[in-house]
Amino acid sequence: MRRSLLLPLLMLPLPLAAQIAPTTPRVDFTHHDWTIACDNTRTCRAAGYQDEASSDMPVSVLLTRRAGPDAPVQAQLMLGSYEETVMPATLRLRIDGADQGVLDYNANEGTLALRAPQTAALLASVRGRSDILLDSDDHRTWRLSGKGATAVLLKMDEFQGRLGTPGALVRKGGRAETSVLPPLPVPQLTLAAVPPTRPADSALAALPALRAALAATTSADDCATLAPGGALMEGEPPEALHVTRLSADKLLVSVACWRGAYNEGSGYWVINDHAPYAPILVTTLGNEAEGNAISGSHKGRGLGDCWSFNSWGWTGKAFVATGVSTTGLCRLVAAGGAWTLPTYVTDERP
């Protein structure tokens, strides 16, 4: 299936159904050894890694900058911990041979936060061809790549409206800092409680008319099991529908849609609780639904060092996106991914 071929390559937030996709401008961009995600509040996070051809000493840096004039850049570093390794006791930052001092390093976690002068030195160096090294007390060295950093940091400046200002990371200028775009508020969501599912609701799962109505909203590429004779595996019976109640007159229907080498996804629809069912597709990329929430998580590759995540919540009238994020590039930094790089965030109120 098309979906099972694409998922190993996905390091962008997964697409959402048109009805519930957030439309706020966002950025998700990768160039060489750097990637950036800017969310709907205009906060940007850029992550850099070791050279793609070097995996023996993995390392990553995360640069976070909130929107607004004079906003500082915060920098964190993480040493590779995907495979069992003994972390060094101390680390020093060296740029082109110049000692930038001992880092505030947590040996138990393999992570650290850079001080402001170290962050400034790092930002200046990644835009060029500098040699950026982390040297340990036991004579090990981690090398951070700057390849792709200029393009990524330029995206950050552009998205936050910093081009041509003194605070720009790449294209500085004399334009006033007050012209920088302000931060946007986090959308506030109140999710609706759902009533118990009734016995008659579950009985709808066996109706051919309901299955046909769901199939009309999607394609065999996105939900193979709704196609005539469709099954996840050859020789298996068709996947059963699962029905739960959402409100006095709406139901949630789900079915396993596709399965790849190390990912799978289910489809979720909101329907009327009687014919005509008028199904509205939420996603075919979900993994789990619990009450008023649907979530989907997918590996970027079988090693599981990079993931993408989506979530949706029921407002009482429709499912809306509540979160979109990835964990960055697949560089063997950490099992489950090194960072959380959201492109859409919300605040869910009880």
Foldseek 3Di string as FASTA:
>chain_A
DVVQVCQLQDPFWDDWDPVFDDDQDWDWDDFQQKIKTAANQLKIKMKGWAHLVDQPWIKMKIWIFGAAFPTDIKIKMATAPADPDQFFPWKWKAKQNRTPDTFQADRVGRMGIGDRVVVVVVLVRLLDQIWIWIAGPVGDIGTIHSGRVQVNLVVSCVSQVNAQDCPRSHHHHPDHSNRTHHTDDFAEAEFDFWDWFDPVQQVCQPDPLVLVLVPVVDDCVLAVLSPVVGDQDPPDHRWTKGWTTGDPFKIKIKTWGYDHPFATFMWIWIFTSDPPTNTDTGGRQWDDDDGFKTKHKGASRDSQQKMWIWMWGHRSPDIHTAWTWMQDDDSSRHRNHDHTRTHYHHHYDD
